Amino acid sequence: MGLGRASAMIAAGTLTSRITGLLRTVVLVAAVGAIGETGDAFATANSLPNSIYQVISAGVLTGVIVPQVVRAMAQKDSGHAFLAKLLTLGFVLVGGITVVAFFCAPLLVSLYASAGFSPAQHALATQFAYWCIPQLFFYGMFALLGEILNARRIFAPYAWAPIMNNVVSIAGFLVFMMLFGSDLNQISAWDSTMVMVLGGTATLGIVAQTVVLVFFWRRAGIPLRLDFRWRGMGLGHMRTLATWTLLTTLIGQLVGIVQTQTLSVASGGYPSVFASQNAWLVYMVPYSMIILAIGTPYFTRISEHAAAKRDVELRGDIAQSIRILGLFVIVATAAVAAAAAPASRVFSNGAGQAVLIAPVLLAFLVSLLPMAVLFIVQRTFYAYGDARTPFIFTVVQASLVLVFTIVVAFTVPVEWRAAAVALVQACSGIVQTVLATILLRRKIGPLGLGSTWTALVRFALMAIPAGAAGYGMYLLSGGADGWMLQDKLWGALGAAVIAAVAGAVYLLLLFLFRVPELRVAIDTVRRRRG
């Protein structure tokens, strides 16, 4: 499958997944509230399996599995024997970690949110955790199956399967509201049955998306069997890679713990854990639709070039992928920034809450373009089997986040705590990207990115008036007192209008200045349709 078609397929699946994911969050906010103790308790518990999953997925699967599967595909059986052993190993490891995490639920809740939670809020979060932690096993198996499919150039199932999670969750949350009501942000209103329905629904959605991926796995013709004969599959080399990637992600989790502890102090009256997660969800819409959709096929091709020692083609892919990502990411940053308040209104229960949450989203957006560059640079290291260097630049980023988040905890008022934490993370990500790029140049030689940086600056100059035009639409609507913040539906419509205006102005400027990258993007779409 070509890069254009693969990117389009991933983008379509990711777009549908993100839209249904946004609807899922809208329904959840309606059920438990955006700012309050109940929402923060559920958000903390529901993030526990996701946090541990990040260690497994980003720390081990992405950095280790894709390059190994690409190499195994050259074997006579197309790597089927290796995949059976790999799947069995993942099944055992993820299952064991899930069992341990389940029995450590109270400790995990304390680890992430002891600073600002009352005893009642901690107890509610622990009850939620018992129902949510089993998601870890299904997250892990979903990631393992999906990364193997990606490595074999089967991209669609991994991008489309999460839609089932969102559909199941939306249905379950609606049933919850029919049974128990909405905006239940008071802990005293909750009992064990309500916890079971809400937490069980969240877990059932993850189970559903994994089952869907298993179905597509079998249709792809890959045998689905267990094989405990792990000797000879290269565990020594994989363990070395996994050690560095695991340490990298564990450091990230330490940062997450400090951030959550800092945010939990604001729980109840100001943006805290749940509001920050929702702002991050909006940030992840352009990240997933653009960076993951375009970058994932490039990562597979970069891995192939690295395995075949085609360094010239690899450098070309690095430069081209960053330019194409920048073309879309920069205008997305401008559009979302202009629509920050209406977009936040979708995930809040009032205009006042939207105004409080909008700065958190703006702070996250500072790092969107650097994260696009980092996506390509970091995965190039993984393609060369180097997980040690990403550990180094991640330690630097994590150290900056830790130090300045602690400074925030002691100096920033609680009402601005969430935005300050987000800004610290974004700025540290910029430093991480610069350092990673320098280290990659030292590893493989000159990257030839001079024209690429020039192109990114050109895109940014064109995105400024585009974003200003979009923000002008927000001001014309009445700003904080206008129709865009009246309710969730108007907020979504307002954000769409702002994005459309910003996108139209940006596209017009690209045409007027005859930006060559636009022609590349158009030709890619034409080849796919042809």
Protein backbone atom coordinates (compact mmCIF):
# COMPACT_ATOMS: atom_id res chain seq x y z
CA MET A 1 0.00 0.00 0.00
CA GLY A 2 1.42 3.43 -1.00
CA LEU A 3 2.06 6.20 1.52
CA GLY A 4 -0.74 8.38 0.12
CA ARG A 5 -3.38 5.69 0.30
CA ALA A 6 -2.20 4.44 3.69
CA SER A 7 -2.19 7.97 5.13
CA ALA A 8 -5.66 8.65 3.75
CA MET A 9 -7.01 5.42 5.20
CA ILE A 10 -5.47 6.08 8.61
CA ALA A 11 -6.67 9.70 8.51
CA ALA A 12 -10.24 8.66 7.68
CA GLY A 13 -10.30 6.07 10.45
CA THR A 14 -8.65 8.41 12.91
CA LEU A 15 -11.05 11.24 12.02
CA THR A 16 -14.07 9.01 12.58
CA SER A 17 -12.53 7.66 15.76
CA ARG A 18 -11.78 11.15 17.08
CA ILE A 19 -15.24 12.45 16.25
CA THR A 20 -16.90 9.55 18.05
CA GLY A 21 -14.34 9.95 20.84
CA LEU A 22 -15.32 13.60 21.22
CA LEU A 23 -18.98 12.56 21.38
CA ARG A 24 -18.05 10.01 24.03
CA THR A 25 -16.40 12.71 26.13
CA VAL A 26 -19.36 15.07 25.64
CA VAL A 27 -21.71 12.41 27.01
CA LEU A 28 -19.34 11.63 29.88
CA VAL A 29 -19.05 15.31 30.81
CA ALA A 30 -22.85 15.55 30.79
CA ALA A 31 -22.95 12.60 33.20
CA VAL A 32 -20.27 13.59 35.74
CA GLY A 33 -19.45 17.25 35.01
CA ALA A 34 -16.27 18.85 33.65
CA ILE A 35 -15.07 20.57 36.82
CA GLY A 36 -15.76 18.75 40.08
CA GLU A 37 -14.64 16.01 42.44
CA THR A 38 -16.52 13.15 40.76
CA GLY A 39 -15.17 13.83 37.30
CA ASP A 40 -11.61 14.09 38.61
CA ALA A 41 -12.02 10.83 40.58
CA PHE A 42 -13.21 8.95 37.49
CA ALA A 43 -10.60 10.57 35.24
CA THR A 44 -7.79 9.56 37.62
CA ALA A 45 -9.00 5.95 37.86
CA ASN A 46 -9.68 5.61 34.15
CA SER A 47 -6.23 7.00 33.30
CA LEU A 48 -4.42 4.37 35.39
CA PRO A 49 -4.64 1.53 32.82
CA ASN A 50 -3.91 4.04 30.07
CA SER A 51 -0.78 5.23 31.86
CA ILE A 52 0.55 1.70 32.32
CA TYR A 53 -0.43 0.91 28.73
CA GLN A 54 1.70 3.84 27.56
CA VAL A 55 4.68 2.11 29.16
CA ILE A 56 3.87 -1.06 27.21
CA SER A 57 2.90 0.58 23.94
CA ALA A 58 5.18 3.58 23.51
CA GLY A 59 7.93 2.10 25.62
CA VAL A 60 8.12 -1.40 24.19
CA LEU A 61 5.85 -1.99 21.21
CA THR A 62 6.55 1.08 19.08
CA GLY A 63 10.26 1.11 19.75
CA VAL A 64 10.84 -2.64 19.48
CA ILE A 65 8.07 -4.52 17.70
CA VAL A 66 7.76 -2.66 14.38
CA PRO A 67 11.46 -2.90 13.40
CA GLN A 68 11.61 -6.56 14.55
CA VAL A 69 8.48 -7.54 12.60
CA VAL A 70 9.79 -5.78 9.48
CA ARG A 71 12.97 -7.89 9.71
CA ALA A 72 11.02 -11.11 10.44
CA MET A 73 8.91 -10.63 7.30
CA ALA A 74 11.98 -11.59 5.25
CA GLN A 75 11.83 -15.14 6.64
CA LYS A 76 10.42 -18.01 4.55
CA ASP A 77 7.12 -18.17 6.48
CA SER A 78 6.71 -14.35 6.32
CA GLY A 79 7.48 -14.25 10.02
CA HIS A 80 4.39 -16.23 11.15
CA ALA A 81 6.35 -18.41 13.60
CA PHE A 82 7.98 -15.32 15.11
CA LEU A 83 4.60 -13.58 15.41
CA ALA A 84 3.08 -16.53 17.27
CA LYS A 85 5.89 -16.46 19.83
CA LEU A 86 5.68 -12.68 20.11
CA LEU A 87 1.92 -12.74 20.62
CA THR A 88 2.24 -15.40 23.34
CA LEU A 89 4.95 -13.46 25.13
CA GLY A 90 2.82 -10.33 25.06
CA PHE A 91 -0.22 -12.23 26.33
CA VAL A 92 1.69 -13.54 29.36
CA LEU A 93 3.45 -10.28 30.22
CA VAL A 94 0.44 -7.98 29.84
CA GLY A 95 -1.81 -10.41 31.69
CA GLY A 96 0.60 -10.61 34.61
CA ILE A 97 1.01 -6.85 34.81
CA THR A 98 -2.78 -6.40 34.78
CA VAL A 99 -3.26 -8.77 37.72
CA VAL A 100 -0.60 -7.00 39.78
CA ALA A 101 -2.05 -3.57 38.94
CA PHE A 102 -5.57 -4.70 39.95
CA PHE A 103 -4.47 -5.66 43.46
CA CYS A 104 -2.45 -2.44 43.75
CA ALA A 105 -5.40 -0.19 42.84
CA PRO A 106 -5.52 1.79 46.13
CA LEU A 107 -1.76 2.35 46.00
CA LEU A 108 -1.92 3.51 42.37
CA VAL A 109 -4.69 6.00 43.17
CA SER A 110 -2.64 7.36 46.07
CA LEU A 111 0.41 7.55 43.83
CA TYR A 112 -1.36 9.71 41.27
CA ALA A 113 -3.72 11.87 43.31
CA SER A 114 -3.10 11.87 47.05
CA ALA A 115 -2.18 15.55 47.26
CA GLY A 116 -5.55 17.13 46.60
CA PHE A 117 -8.15 14.37 47.03
CA SER A 118 -10.30 14.13 50.14
CA PRO A 119 -10.74 10.67 51.75
CA ALA A 120 -14.17 10.33 50.12
CA GLN A 121 -12.83 11.31 46.70
CA HIS A 122 -9.92 8.88 47.09
CA ALA A 123 -12.33 6.07 48.02
CA LEU A 124 -14.52 6.80 44.96
CA ALA A 125 -11.49 6.87 42.68
CA THR A 126 -10.37 3.51 44.09
CA GLN A 127 -13.77 1.95 43.40
CA PHE A 128 -13.58 3.21 39.82
CA ALA A 129 -10.03 1.85 39.52
CA TYR A 130 -11.12 -1.73 40.27
CA TRP A 131 -13.49 -1.57 37.31
CA CYS A 132 -11.10 0.30 34.99
CA ILE A 133 -7.75 -1.44 35.53
CA PRO A 134 -8.79 -4.61 33.59
CA GLN A 135 -8.70 -2.36 30.53
CA LEU A 136 -4.91 -2.69 30.74
CA PHE A 137 -4.88 -6.25 29.39
CA PHE A 138 -7.06 -5.34 26.42
CA TYR A 139 -5.14 -2.12 25.76
CA GLY A 140 -1.93 -4.13 25.66
CA MET A 141 -3.23 -6.84 23.34
CA PHE A 142 -4.86 -4.23 21.11
CA ALA A 143 -1.57 -2.35 20.81
CA LEU A 144 0.43 -5.52 20.17
CA LEU A 145 -1.89 -6.76 17.41
CA GLY A 146 -2.16 -3.30 15.89
CA GLU A 147 1.57 -2.56 15.78
CA ILE A 148 2.21 -5.93 14.12
CA LEU A 149 -0.43 -5.16 11.49
CA ASN A 150 1.13 -1.72 10.91
CA ALA A 151 4.55 -3.30 10.45
CA ARG A 152 3.03 -5.54 7.78
CA ARG A 153 1.52 -2.50 6.03
CA ILE A 154 -2.03 -3.32 7.15
CA PHE A 155 -2.94 0.07 8.59
CA ALA A 156 -6.75 0.34 8.47
CA PRO A 157 -7.89 -1.97 11.34
CA TYR A 158 -5.73 -0.28 13.99
CA ALA A 159 -7.08 3.14 12.96
CA TRP A 160 -10.74 2.10 12.72
CA ALA A 161 -11.21 -0.34 15.63
CA PRO A 162 -11.34 2.35 18.38
CA ILE A 163 -14.63 3.51 16.89
CA MET A 164 -16.27 0.45 18.45
CA ASN A 165 -14.94 1.52 21.85
CA ASN A 166 -16.54 4.93 21.47
CA VAL A 167 -19.88 3.53 20.26
CA VAL A 168 -20.11 1.09 23.18
CA SER A 169 -19.08 3.79 25.68
CA ILE A 170 -21.56 6.35 24.36
CA ALA A 171 -24.38 3.83 24.61
CA GLY A 172 -23.34 2.85 28.13
CA PHE A 173 -23.00 6.43 29.37
CA LEU A 174 -26.44 7.28 27.96
CA VAL A 175 -27.91 4.29 29.80
CA PHE A 176 -26.16 5.53 32.95
CA MET A 177 -27.84 8.93 32.65
CA MET A 178 -31.22 7.34 31.97
CA LEU A 179 -30.86 5.31 35.17
CA PHE A 180 -29.20 7.78 37.52
CA GLY A 181 -29.40 11.30 36.04
CA SER A 182 -26.77 13.78 34.79
CA ASP A 183 -24.14 16.25 36.08
CA LEU A 184 -23.55 14.06 39.15
CA ASN A 185 -20.54 15.93 40.48
CA GLN A 186 -21.28 15.38 44.17
CA ILE A 187 -19.58 12.34 45.72
CA SER A 188 -22.42 11.81 48.18
CA ALA A 189 -24.77 10.99 45.27
CA TRP A 190 -22.77 7.91 44.23
CA ASP A 191 -23.20 4.25 45.21
CA SER A 192 -21.55 0.99 44.14
CA THR A 193 -24.11 0.30 41.39
CA MET A 194 -23.43 3.63 39.74
CA VAL A 195 -19.68 3.02 39.93
CA MET A 196 -20.14 -0.41 38.36
CA VAL A 197 -22.20 0.91 35.43
CA LEU A 198 -19.88 3.82 34.63
CA GLY A 199 -16.56 2.01 35.20
CA GLY A 200 -17.81 -1.20 33.58
CA THR A 201 -18.93 0.70 30.50
CA ALA A 202 -15.50 2.27 30.07
CA THR A 203 -13.86 -1.17 30.26
CA LEU A 204 -16.40 -2.85 27.99
CA GLY A 205 -15.54 -0.34 25.25
CA ILE A 206 -11.85 -1.34 25.33
CA VAL A 207 -12.82 -5.02 25.20
CA ALA A 208 -14.99 -4.34 22.13
CA GLN A 209 -12.23 -2.60 20.15
CA THR A 210 -9.81 -5.45 20.87
CA VAL A 211 -12.32 -8.06 19.69
CA VAL A 212 -12.78 -6.12 16.45
CA LEU A 213 -9.01 -6.07 15.87
CA VAL A 214 -8.80 -9.83 16.44
CA PHE A 215 -11.44 -10.28 13.74
CA PHE A 216 -9.41 -8.25 11.23
CA TRP A 217 -6.22 -10.03 12.28
CA ARG A 218 -7.72 -13.37 11.26
CA ARG A 219 -9.05 -11.95 7.99
CA ALA A 220 -5.53 -10.74 7.17
CA GLY A 221 -4.44 -14.38 7.01
CA ILE A 222 -2.08 -14.23 9.97
CA PRO A 223 -2.34 -17.37 12.18
CA LEU A 224 -3.65 -16.59 15.65
CA ARG A 225 -2.04 -19.16 17.92
CA LEU A 226 0.04 -19.38 21.08
CA ASP A 227 3.62 -20.60 21.06
CA PHE A 228 5.61 -20.71 24.30
CA ARG A 229 8.87 -21.76 22.61
CA TRP A 230 10.54 -18.38 22.98
CA ARG A 231 14.13 -19.57 22.67
CA GLY A 232 15.77 -18.41 19.47
CA MET A 233 13.44 -15.46 18.75
CA GLY A 234 16.07 -12.86 19.64
CA LEU A 235 14.88 -12.02 23.14
CA GLY A 236 18.34 -10.81 24.15
CA HIS A 237 18.42 -8.10 21.49
CA MET A 238 14.77 -7.23 22.07
CA ARG A 239 15.33 -7.05 25.82
CA THR A 240 18.16 -4.55 25.33
CA LEU A 241 15.95 -2.36 23.16
CA ALA A 242 12.97 -2.75 25.48
CA THR A 243 15.03 -1.83 28.55
CA TRP A 244 15.86 1.60 27.17
CA THR A 245 12.38 2.26 25.77
CA LEU A 246 10.81 1.04 29.01
CA LEU A 247 13.00 3.35 31.07
CA THR A 248 12.12 6.18 28.69
CA THR A 249 8.41 5.70 29.21
CA LEU A 250 8.67 5.09 32.95
CA ILE A 251 10.28 8.50 33.25
CA GLY A 252 7.33 9.90 31.35
CA GLN A 253 5.00 8.24 33.85
CA LEU A 254 6.92 9.76 36.75
CA VAL A 255 6.30 13.12 35.13
CA GLY A 256 2.61 12.23 34.82
CA ILE A 257 2.41 11.43 38.51
CA VAL A 258 3.92 14.79 39.49
CA GLN A 259 1.59 16.59 37.09
CA THR A 260 -1.52 14.82 38.39
CA GLN A 261 -0.56 15.47 42.00
CA THR A 262 -0.09 19.15 41.15
CA LEU A 263 -3.42 19.33 39.31
CA SER A 264 -5.41 17.46 41.98
CA VAL A 265 -5.07 20.41 44.36
CA ALA A 266 -7.40 22.41 42.08
CA SER A 267 -10.07 19.69 42.05
CA GLY A 268 -13.58 20.85 42.83
CA GLY A 269 -13.61 24.49 41.75
CA TYR A 270 -11.09 24.96 38.95
CA PRO A 271 -9.74 23.03 35.94
CA SER A 272 -8.00 19.94 37.28
CA VAL A 273 -7.37 16.36 36.14
CA PHE A 274 -10.52 15.81 34.07
CA ALA A 275 -10.50 19.26 32.46
CA SER A 276 -6.82 18.87 31.57
CA GLN A 277 -7.52 15.47 30.02
CA ASN A 278 -10.34 16.93 27.94
CA ALA A 279 -8.12 19.77 26.71
CA TRP A 280 -5.51 17.16 25.81
CA LEU A 281 -8.22 15.24 23.92
CA VAL A 282 -8.88 18.28 21.74
CA TYR A 283 -5.12 18.68 21.23
CA MET A 284 -4.93 15.05 20.14
CA VAL A 285 -7.47 15.55 17.32
CA PRO A 286 -4.98 17.28 14.97
CA TYR A 287 -2.14 15.18 16.39
CA SER A 288 -3.90 11.93 15.51
CA MET A 289 -5.47 13.04 12.25
CA ILE A 290 -2.25 14.53 10.89
CA ILE A 291 0.82 13.27 12.72
CA LEU A 292 -0.23 9.67 13.25
CA ALA A 293 -2.00 9.35 9.89
CA ILE A 294 0.91 10.69 7.84
CA GLY A 295 3.77 9.71 10.13
CA THR A 296 2.86 6.04 10.73
CA PRO A 297 3.29 4.91 7.08
CA TYR A 298 6.50 6.93 6.90
CA PHE A 299 7.79 5.12 10.00
CA THR A 300 7.23 1.75 8.35
CA ARG A 301 9.07 2.91 5.22
CA ILE A 302 11.88 4.46 7.25
CA SER A 303 12.25 1.11 9.08
CA GLU A 304 12.51 -0.65 5.72
CA HIS A 305 15.16 1.80 4.49
CA ALA A 306 17.12 1.40 7.73
CA ALA A 307 17.00 -2.40 7.52
CA ALA A 308 18.26 -2.25 3.90
CA LYS A 309 20.85 0.46 4.73
CA ARG A 310 19.35 2.86 2.18
CA ASP A 311 20.50 5.99 3.99
CA VAL A 312 19.90 8.43 1.13
CA GLU A 313 16.27 7.37 0.72
CA LEU A 314 15.82 7.46 4.49
CA ARG A 315 17.04 11.05 4.77
CA GLY A 316 14.72 12.00 1.92
CA ASP A 317 11.77 10.48 3.75
CA ILE A 318 12.67 12.35 6.95
CA ALA A 319 12.75 15.71 5.17
CA GLN A 320 9.62 15.08 3.12
CA SER A 321 7.59 13.75 6.05
CA ILE A 322 8.44 16.77 8.23
CA ARG A 323 7.50 19.22 5.46
CA ILE A 324 4.18 17.49 4.72
CA LEU A 325 3.38 17.22 8.43
CA GLY A 326 4.24 20.89 8.93
CA LEU A 327 2.01 21.94 6.04
CA PHE A 328 -1.03 20.63 7.90
CA VAL A 329 0.02 20.85 11.55
CA ILE A 330 0.78 24.58 11.52
CA VAL A 331 -2.62 25.63 10.22
CA ALA A 332 -4.28 23.16 12.59
CA THR A 333 -2.47 24.86 15.47
CA ALA A 334 -3.69 28.29 14.36
CA ALA A 335 -7.27 27.10 13.80
CA VAL A 336 -7.60 25.27 17.13
CA ALA A 337 -6.02 28.20 18.98
CA ALA A 338 -8.57 30.58 17.46
CA ALA A 339 -11.37 28.19 18.39
CA ALA A 340 -10.07 27.38 21.90
CA ALA A 341 -13.08 28.74 23.80
CA PRO A 342 -15.82 27.22 21.57
CA ALA A 343 -13.95 23.90 21.46
CA SER A 344 -13.68 23.91 25.26
CA ARG A 345 -17.41 24.66 25.51
CA VAL A 346 -18.11 21.27 23.93
CA PHE A 347 -16.46 19.61 26.94
CA SER A 348 -17.91 21.74 29.69
CA ASN A 349 -21.31 22.43 31.21
CA GLY A 350 -21.24 26.22 30.96
CA ALA A 351 -19.64 29.21 29.25
CA GLY A 352 -17.71 30.09 32.40
CA GLN A 353 -16.14 26.64 32.53
CA ALA A 354 -15.19 26.90 28.84
CA VAL A 355 -13.36 30.17 29.45
CA LEU A 356 -11.46 28.54 32.33
CA ILE A 357 -10.46 25.48 30.27
CA ALA A 358 -9.47 27.34 27.05
CA PRO A 359 -6.05 28.50 28.36
CA VAL A 360 -5.15 24.87 29.09
CA LEU A 361 -5.78 23.97 25.45
CA LEU A 362 -3.79 26.97 24.22
CA ALA A 363 -0.83 25.93 26.36
CA PHE A 364 -0.83 22.40 24.93
CA LEU A 365 -0.92 23.73 21.36
CA VAL A 366 2.50 25.36 21.75
CA SER A 367 4.10 21.94 21.23
CA LEU A 368 2.01 20.59 18.33
CA LEU A 369 4.54 21.31 15.58
CA PRO A 370 7.58 20.20 17.64
CA MET A 371 5.76 16.95 18.43
CA ALA A 372 5.31 16.34 14.70
CA VAL A 373 9.04 16.69 14.16
CA LEU A 374 9.81 14.57 17.21
CA PHE A 375 7.51 11.80 15.97
CA ILE A 376 9.68 11.33 12.87
CA VAL A 377 13.04 11.87 14.57
CA GLN A 378 12.36 9.53 17.49
CA ARG A 379 11.08 6.74 15.28
CA THR A 380 14.12 7.05 13.04
CA PHE A 381 16.25 6.10 16.04
CA TYR A 382 13.95 3.13 16.65
CA ALA A 383 14.27 2.11 12.98
CA TYR A 384 18.04 1.86 13.50
CA GLY A 385 17.52 -0.25 16.61
CA ASP A 386 18.68 2.60 18.85
CA ALA A 387 16.50 3.02 21.93
CA ARG A 388 19.26 4.42 24.13
CA THR A 389 19.43 7.84 22.48
CA PRO A 390 15.67 8.50 22.80
CA PHE A 391 16.12 7.68 26.48
CA ILE A 392 18.70 10.46 26.75
CA PHE A 393 16.62 13.25 25.21
CA THR A 394 13.51 12.07 27.05
CA VAL A 395 15.37 12.27 30.36
CA VAL A 396 16.25 15.87 29.56
CA GLN A 397 12.62 16.69 28.73
CA ALA A 398 11.33 14.90 31.82
CA SER A 399 13.82 16.64 34.07
CA LEU A 400 12.67 20.02 32.81
CA VAL A 401 9.02 19.10 33.31
CA LEU A 402 9.64 17.81 36.83
CA VAL A 403 11.60 20.85 37.95
CA PHE A 404 9.26 23.45 36.51
CA THR A 405 6.07 21.58 37.50
CA ILE A 406 7.29 21.64 41.09
CA VAL A 407 7.91 25.37 40.68
CA VAL A 408 4.34 25.72 39.40
CA ALA A 409 3.02 23.79 42.41
CA PHE A 410 4.52 26.35 44.78
CA THR A 411 4.06 29.58 42.82
CA VAL A 412 1.01 29.45 40.53
CA PRO A 413 -2.53 30.03 41.89
CA VAL A 414 -4.83 26.99 41.67
CA GLU A 415 -7.07 28.62 39.04
CA TRP A 416 -4.12 28.76 36.61
CA ARG A 417 -2.48 25.52 37.71
CA ALA A 418 -3.71 23.36 34.80
CA ALA A 419 -2.67 25.88 32.13
CA ALA A 420 0.76 26.33 33.72
CA VAL A 421 1.37 22.57 33.88
CA ALA A 422 0.38 22.25 30.22
CA LEU A 423 2.70 25.09 29.19
CA VAL A 424 5.63 23.55 31.07
CA GLN A 425 5.06 20.27 29.23
CA ALA A 426 4.84 22.01 25.86
CA CYS A 427 7.98 24.09 26.28
CA SER A 428 9.95 21.10 27.54
CA GLY A 429 8.81 19.22 24.43
CA ILE A 430 10.34 21.92 22.26
CA VAL A 431 13.71 21.50 23.98
CA GLN A 432 13.40 17.72 23.59
CA THR A 433 12.76 18.03 19.84
CA VAL A 434 15.76 20.30 19.27
CA LEU A 435 18.06 17.98 21.20
CA ALA A 436 16.70 14.88 19.44
CA THR A 437 17.31 16.41 16.01
CA ILE A 438 20.90 17.33 16.92
CA LEU A 439 21.58 13.79 18.18
CA LEU A 440 20.08 12.22 15.05
CA ARG A 441 22.36 14.36 12.88
CA ARG A 442 25.34 13.12 14.86
CA LYS A 443 24.21 9.53 14.37
CA ILE A 444 23.49 9.41 10.62
CA GLY A 445 25.15 12.55 9.32
CA PRO A 446 23.69 15.73 7.79
CA LEU A 447 19.93 15.47 7.43
CA GLY A 448 19.60 18.10 4.71
CA LEU A 449 16.79 19.88 6.56
CA GLY A 450 17.73 23.47 5.72
CA SER A 451 14.99 23.84 3.10
CA THR A 452 12.60 22.02 5.43
CA TRP A 453 13.04 24.58 8.25
CA THR A 454 12.58 27.37 5.69
CA ALA A 455 9.34 25.76 4.53
CA LEU A 456 8.06 25.50 8.12
CA VAL A 457 8.74 29.20 8.70
CA ARG A 458 6.88 30.00 5.48
CA PHE A 459 3.90 27.92 6.60
CA ALA A 460 3.89 29.68 9.99
CA LEU A 461 3.86 33.14 8.40
CA MET A 462 0.83 32.13 6.34
CA ALA A 463 -0.94 30.57 9.33
CA ILE A 464 -0.81 33.81 11.36
CA PRO A 465 -3.36 35.72 9.23
CA ALA A 466 -5.36 32.51 8.86
CA GLY A 467 -5.63 32.14 12.62
CA ALA A 468 -6.40 35.84 13.01
CA ALA A 469 -9.27 35.51 10.53
CA GLY A 470 -10.66 32.58 12.50
CA TYR A 471 -10.40 34.46 15.80
CA GLY A 472 -12.10 37.41 14.15
CA MET A 473 -15.11 35.18 13.54
CA TYR A 474 -15.17 34.36 17.25
CA LEU A 475 -15.11 38.05 18.18
CA LEU A 476 -17.84 38.84 15.63
CA SER A 477 -20.01 36.17 17.24
CA GLY A 478 -19.87 38.04 20.53
CA GLY A 479 -16.83 36.43 22.13
CA ALA A 480 -17.40 34.98 25.59
CA ASP A 481 -20.96 36.34 25.60
CA GLY A 482 -21.81 35.24 22.07
CA TRP A 483 -23.70 32.33 20.55
CA MET A 484 -20.63 30.08 20.25
CA LEU A 485 -20.54 29.52 24.02
CA GLN A 486 -24.26 29.13 24.60
CA ASP A 487 -24.22 25.34 24.67
CA LYS A 488 -22.26 22.31 23.45
CA LEU A 489 -23.85 22.17 20.01
CA TRP A 490 -23.24 25.86 19.30
CA GLY A 491 -19.69 25.43 20.59
CA ALA A 492 -19.04 22.62 18.11
CA LEU A 493 -20.60 24.63 15.28
CA GLY A 494 -18.59 27.72 16.22
CA ALA A 495 -15.35 25.77 16.32
CA ALA A 496 -16.13 24.31 12.88
CA VAL A 497 -16.84 27.78 11.45
CA ILE A 498 -13.60 29.18 12.86
CA ALA A 499 -11.59 26.22 11.53
CA ALA A 500 -13.21 26.55 8.10
CA VAL A 501 -12.39 30.25 7.86
CA ALA A 502 -8.80 29.74 9.02
CA GLY A 503 -8.35 26.81 6.64
CA ALA A 504 -9.76 28.74 3.68
CA VAL A 505 -7.46 31.74 4.26
CA TYR A 506 -4.45 29.45 4.67
CA LEU A 507 -5.25 27.51 1.49
CA LEU A 508 -5.68 30.76 -0.44
CA LEU A 509 -2.27 31.98 0.70
CA LEU A 510 -0.67 28.67 -0.25
CA PHE A 511 -2.08 29.01 -3.76
CA LEU A 512 -1.12 32.67 -4.09
CA PHE A 513 2.49 32.00 -3.09
CA ARG A 514 2.63 28.72 -5.04
CA VAL A 515 3.94 26.67 -2.16
CA PRO A 516 5.48 23.48 -3.67
CA GLU A 517 4.47 21.25 -0.74
CA LEU A 518 0.81 21.92 -1.57
CA ARG A 519 1.37 20.44 -5.01
CA VAL A 520 2.95 17.35 -3.43
CA ALA A 521 -0.09 16.90 -1.20
CA ILE A 522 -2.51 17.34 -4.12
CA ASP A 523 -0.56 14.91 -6.32
CA THR A 524 -0.60 12.35 -3.50
CA VAL A 525 -4.40 12.57 -3.30
CA ARG A 526 -4.75 12.34 -7.08
CA ARG A 527 -2.54 9.25 -7.24
CA ARG A 528 -4.58 7.63 -4.51
CA ARG A 529 -7.87 8.36 -6.30
CA GLY A 530 -6.42 7.23 -9.60
